[in-house]
Structure formats: C-alpha cells, structure tokens
Amino acid sequence: MRSENKRISGKAIALIVTAALLLSITVGVVVAYLMAETPPVTNTFTPVSVSCEVKESFDAASNVKSDVKVENIGDISAYIRASIVVNWVSDSGSVYGGAPVAGTDYEIEIPLEANGWFQGKDGYYYYKTPVAAGDVTTNLIDTVGPVANAAPDGYTLSVQILATAIQSEPAEAVTTAWPAVTVNSDDTLAPIS
C-alpha cells in the first residue's frame, strides 16, 4: 500500500493567510469603531458601610462600667451582636490563668429581654431589631464591676465588649453569617432552637 501525501499548494497557503489577515483587520476595525462611538459609562454603584462601636460609661475609681450599648456608625440599617469577655489583667497586660466568675468575682446586670437583647446558643448577645444608621441599641449591660477583694494580687477586672454588625437586608446574609439566629417575618431576630 502506498500512502499518498497530500500537499497544500502555494495558492492554498496564500489564500488561508490572506483570509486570516482580512479577518484580523476586520475585527480590529470593528473594535476601534465601537470604542470610538460608544460613550463612556459612569459607575453609579455606591458601596455601603456596615460598622458599629461600643458606647459605655466608665468610673475608673471603682472600675465599674455602666450603660453599655452599641451604636451603628455605618450608613445602612444593621443587626448588632456582641460578646462579653471578662478577665483578670495586670498593668502590663498579662491575663491571669483563671477566669473571674460572675456573682463571685464580679457583679453584672444584663437586662436582656427587657432591653431587646437575647443570648444565642453560640454565646453571643443579639439585639432583636435592626438598628438604623446613627442609632444606638438599648443597654446590653446596665452595670458591671468587681467584687471587693476578689482580684488576684496585681490584677484588675477587665470587661471587654466586642460588637459586630451585619447589614439587615437581605435576610439570607444575616442567617448565613450568623447561623445561631433566624430572621422573623417582622424583621426581628430570634434564636435557633
């Protein structure tokens, strides 16, 4: 058996090269025309800012915090949650190995339900309703302070409130980011049972 080698003639190669060149030129001309004739588009999308800040009063003489609440400092309505971290801390910033015990080492008044907060199974405290931009929640903590002579030598009570915010719409954003809560039809948060 003899295999036949088919060779492309010089005319065929010239025809293919010419067609590719014409196609390239045509595409270039069309793109140049579209760029010259299409007016520029201005981006009108404005991103939102979601942020919050803890507001509190502090009496340094007694080491007592009071009226602890959270302000929505963003520019959109947001849900707020917070955690309360209590430690013994030295002047140098060292944290004592044993954690203070509520009711024994310190007293804390958390009104929760009366003030629109609830505690989720994940330990966070959630504010039930969306907080409008510039608004403040009700008190998460009315007062918190040490019991006299309960601190280990060289340590004082440290109570930190760590707050986070998430935009209130869409509801799926909230339930995806915070799986311990659900959003009711009236836009209030509720704990997952």
Protein backbone atom coordinates (compact mmCIF):
# COMPACT_ATOMS: atom_id res chain seq x y z
CA MET A 1 0.00 0.00 0.00
CA ARG A 2 1.17 3.27 -0.86
CA SER A 3 0.13 6.33 1.14
CA GLU A 4 -0.43 9.45 -0.73
CA ASN A 5 0.94 12.61 0.74
CA LYS A 6 -1.32 15.49 0.08
CA ARG A 7 0.49 18.70 -0.09
CA ILE A 8 -1.04 22.08 0.18
CA SER A 9 -0.27 24.16 -2.80
CA GLY A 10 1.24 27.60 -2.57
CA LYS A 11 -2.04 29.15 -3.76
CA ALA A 12 -3.97 27.49 -0.92
CA ILE A 13 -1.48 28.75 1.68
CA ALA A 14 -1.66 32.25 0.25
CA LEU A 15 -5.47 32.10 0.35
CA ILE A 16 -5.50 30.98 4.04
CA VAL A 17 -3.00 33.67 5.06
CA THR A 18 -4.99 36.32 3.17
CA ALA A 19 -8.27 35.23 4.83
CA ALA A 20 -6.68 35.31 8.33
CA LEU A 21 -5.21 38.76 7.62
CA LEU A 22 -8.56 40.13 6.40
CA LEU A 23 -10.34 38.66 9.44
CA SER A 24 -7.79 40.27 11.82
CA ILE A 25 -8.11 43.65 10.12
CA THR A 26 -11.93 43.47 10.18
CA VAL A 27 -12.03 42.65 13.90
CA GLY A 28 -9.57 45.46 14.65
CA VAL A 29 -11.63 47.99 12.68
CA VAL A 30 -14.88 46.93 14.40
CA VAL A 31 -13.34 47.16 17.89
CA ALA A 32 -11.82 50.57 17.10
CA TYR A 33 -15.18 51.82 15.78
CA LEU A 34 -17.07 50.57 18.85
CA MET A 35 -14.57 52.17 21.20
CA ALA A 36 -14.75 55.48 19.35
CA GLU A 37 -18.55 55.57 19.06
CA THR A 38 -19.60 54.21 22.49
CA PRO A 39 -19.95 56.88 25.17
CA PRO A 40 -18.17 56.20 28.48
CA VAL A 41 -20.26 54.67 31.26
CA THR A 42 -20.09 56.15 34.73
CA ASN A 43 -20.18 53.70 37.61
CA THR A 44 -23.10 54.77 39.82
CA PHE A 45 -22.77 51.97 42.36
CA THR A 46 -22.16 53.27 45.86
CA PRO A 47 -20.90 50.72 48.38
CA VAL A 48 -22.40 50.78 51.87
CA SER A 49 -20.54 50.89 55.14
CA VAL A 50 -21.54 48.49 57.92
CA SER A 51 -19.84 49.21 61.23
CA CYS A 52 -20.58 49.61 64.91
CA GLU A 53 -18.99 51.00 68.04
CA VAL A 54 -19.45 50.20 71.74
CA LYS A 55 -20.61 53.14 73.87
CA GLU A 56 -20.19 52.96 77.65
CA SER A 57 -19.60 54.95 80.79
CA PHE A 58 -16.63 54.02 82.99
CA ASP A 59 -15.82 55.02 86.55
CA ALA A 60 -12.06 54.45 86.90
CA ALA A 61 -12.11 54.86 90.70
CA SER A 62 -14.46 51.91 91.19
CA ASN A 63 -13.59 50.06 87.94
CA VAL A 64 -17.32 49.94 87.06
CA LYS A 65 -18.74 50.11 83.54
CA SER A 66 -22.32 51.19 83.02
CA ASP A 67 -24.83 51.92 80.29
CA VAL A 68 -23.07 49.66 77.77
CA LYS A 69 -24.74 49.87 74.36
CA VAL A 70 -23.76 49.67 70.71
CA GLU A 71 -24.05 52.41 68.07
CA ASN A 72 -24.50 51.72 64.36
CA ILE A 73 -21.82 54.01 62.85
CA GLY A 74 -22.37 52.68 59.33
CA ASP A 75 -24.64 54.18 56.69
CA ILE A 76 -27.21 51.36 56.45
CA SER A 77 -29.56 49.60 58.83
CA ALA A 78 -27.79 46.72 60.58
CA TYR A 79 -28.25 43.92 63.08
CA ILE A 80 -25.90 44.00 66.06
CA ARG A 81 -24.36 41.23 68.15
CA ALA A 82 -21.81 41.37 70.94
CA SER A 83 -19.70 39.15 73.13
CA ILE A 84 -18.62 39.93 76.68
CA VAL A 85 -15.05 38.94 77.56
CA VAL A 86 -14.17 39.08 81.26
CA ASN A 87 -10.59 38.51 82.50
CA TRP A 88 -8.17 39.46 85.25
CA VAL A 89 -5.46 41.64 83.66
CA SER A 90 -2.25 43.08 85.13
CA ASP A 91 -0.94 46.60 84.47
CA SER A 92 1.50 45.09 81.94
CA GLY A 93 -1.38 43.45 80.03
CA SER A 94 -0.83 39.87 81.24
CA VAL A 95 -4.01 37.83 81.55
CA TYR A 96 -4.45 35.74 84.71
CA GLY A 97 -4.88 32.00 84.14
CA GLY A 98 -8.19 31.67 86.00
CA ALA A 99 -11.26 33.45 84.68
CA PRO A 100 -13.38 35.59 87.02
CA VAL A 101 -16.75 34.11 88.00
CA ALA A 102 -19.94 36.17 87.70
CA GLY A 103 -21.64 36.62 91.06
CA THR A 104 -18.45 35.67 92.93
CA ASP A 105 -15.66 37.82 91.48
CA TYR A 106 -17.77 40.44 89.74
CA GLU A 107 -21.37 41.62 89.54
CA ILE A 108 -23.06 42.17 86.18
CA GLU A 109 -26.56 43.39 85.36
CA ILE A 110 -27.67 42.26 81.91
CA PRO A 111 -31.36 43.12 81.33
CA LEU A 112 -31.56 41.14 78.03
CA GLU A 113 -35.25 40.54 77.18
CA ALA A 114 -36.37 43.75 78.89
CA ASN A 115 -33.99 45.73 76.69
CA GLY A 116 -34.43 43.86 73.40
CA TRP A 117 -31.39 41.55 73.63
CA PHE A 118 -31.18 37.75 73.80
CA GLN A 119 -28.30 35.31 74.13
CA GLY A 120 -27.84 32.79 71.32
CA LYS A 121 -26.58 29.24 71.71
CA ASP A 122 -23.23 30.41 70.34
CA GLY A 123 -22.74 32.68 73.39
CA TYR A 124 -23.24 35.97 71.53
CA TYR A 125 -25.80 38.55 72.65
CA TYR A 126 -28.06 39.63 69.78
CA TYR A 127 -30.10 42.80 69.51
CA LYS A 128 -33.54 41.76 68.23
CA THR A 129 -34.28 44.60 65.84
CA PRO A 130 -32.27 46.27 63.08
CA VAL A 131 -30.53 49.44 64.22
CA ALA A 132 -30.78 52.36 61.80
CA ALA A 133 -27.62 54.20 60.75
CA GLY A 134 -26.61 56.56 63.55
CA ASP A 135 -28.91 54.96 66.14
CA VAL A 136 -27.92 53.20 69.35
CA THR A 137 -29.20 49.98 70.94
CA THR A 138 -30.64 49.90 74.43
CA ASN A 139 -28.32 48.78 77.23
CA LEU A 140 -26.70 45.39 76.85
CA ILE A 141 -25.20 45.83 80.32
CA ASP A 142 -26.60 48.19 82.94
CA THR A 143 -23.56 47.84 85.24
CA VAL A 144 -20.57 45.54 85.64
CA GLY A 145 -17.83 45.78 88.24
CA PRO A 146 -15.57 43.78 90.54
CA VAL A 147 -16.48 42.40 93.95
CA ALA A 148 -14.23 43.94 96.62
CA ASN A 149 -11.03 41.99 97.35
CA ALA A 150 -11.78 39.30 94.73
CA ALA A 151 -8.96 40.13 92.32
CA PRO A 152 -5.71 38.16 92.46
CA ASP A 153 -2.70 40.23 93.63
CA GLY A 154 -1.51 42.56 90.87
CA TYR A 155 -4.61 42.11 88.69
CA THR A 156 -7.78 44.09 88.00
CA LEU A 157 -11.06 43.15 86.37
CA SER A 158 -11.18 43.70 82.59
CA VAL A 159 -14.53 43.62 80.81
CA GLN A 160 -14.38 43.95 77.02
CA ILE A 161 -17.46 44.13 74.82
CA LEU A 162 -16.73 43.04 71.26
CA ALA A 163 -19.52 44.08 68.90
CA THR A 164 -20.12 43.27 65.24
CA ALA A 165 -22.74 44.44 62.76
CA ILE A 166 -24.20 42.99 59.58
CA GLN A 167 -26.48 44.69 57.07
CA SER A 168 -30.12 43.88 57.75
CA GLU A 169 -31.01 43.05 54.14
CA PRO A 170 -31.19 40.55 52.61
CA ALA A 171 -32.18 38.25 55.47
CA GLU A 172 -30.11 35.44 53.95
CA ALA A 173 -26.95 37.47 54.57
CA VAL A 174 -27.75 37.51 58.29
CA THR A 175 -28.69 33.85 58.64
CA THR A 176 -25.69 32.72 56.58
CA ALA A 177 -23.18 34.79 58.57
CA TRP A 178 -24.87 34.22 61.93
CA PRO A 179 -26.28 30.65 61.88
CA ALA A 180 -27.42 30.84 65.54
CA VAL A 181 -30.30 33.17 64.60
CA THR A 182 -33.20 33.42 62.21
CA VAL A 183 -34.97 36.49 60.83
CA ASN A 184 -38.73 36.55 61.50
CA SER A 185 -41.29 37.95 59.07
CA ASP A 186 -41.43 41.16 61.16
CA ASP A 187 -37.61 41.58 60.69
CA THR A 188 -36.80 40.68 64.30
CA LEU A 189 -34.06 38.23 65.14
CA ALA A 190 -34.82 35.06 67.08
CA PRO A 191 -32.54 32.33 68.39
CA ILE A 192 -32.40 28.99 66.56
CA SER A 193 -33.76 26.36 68.92
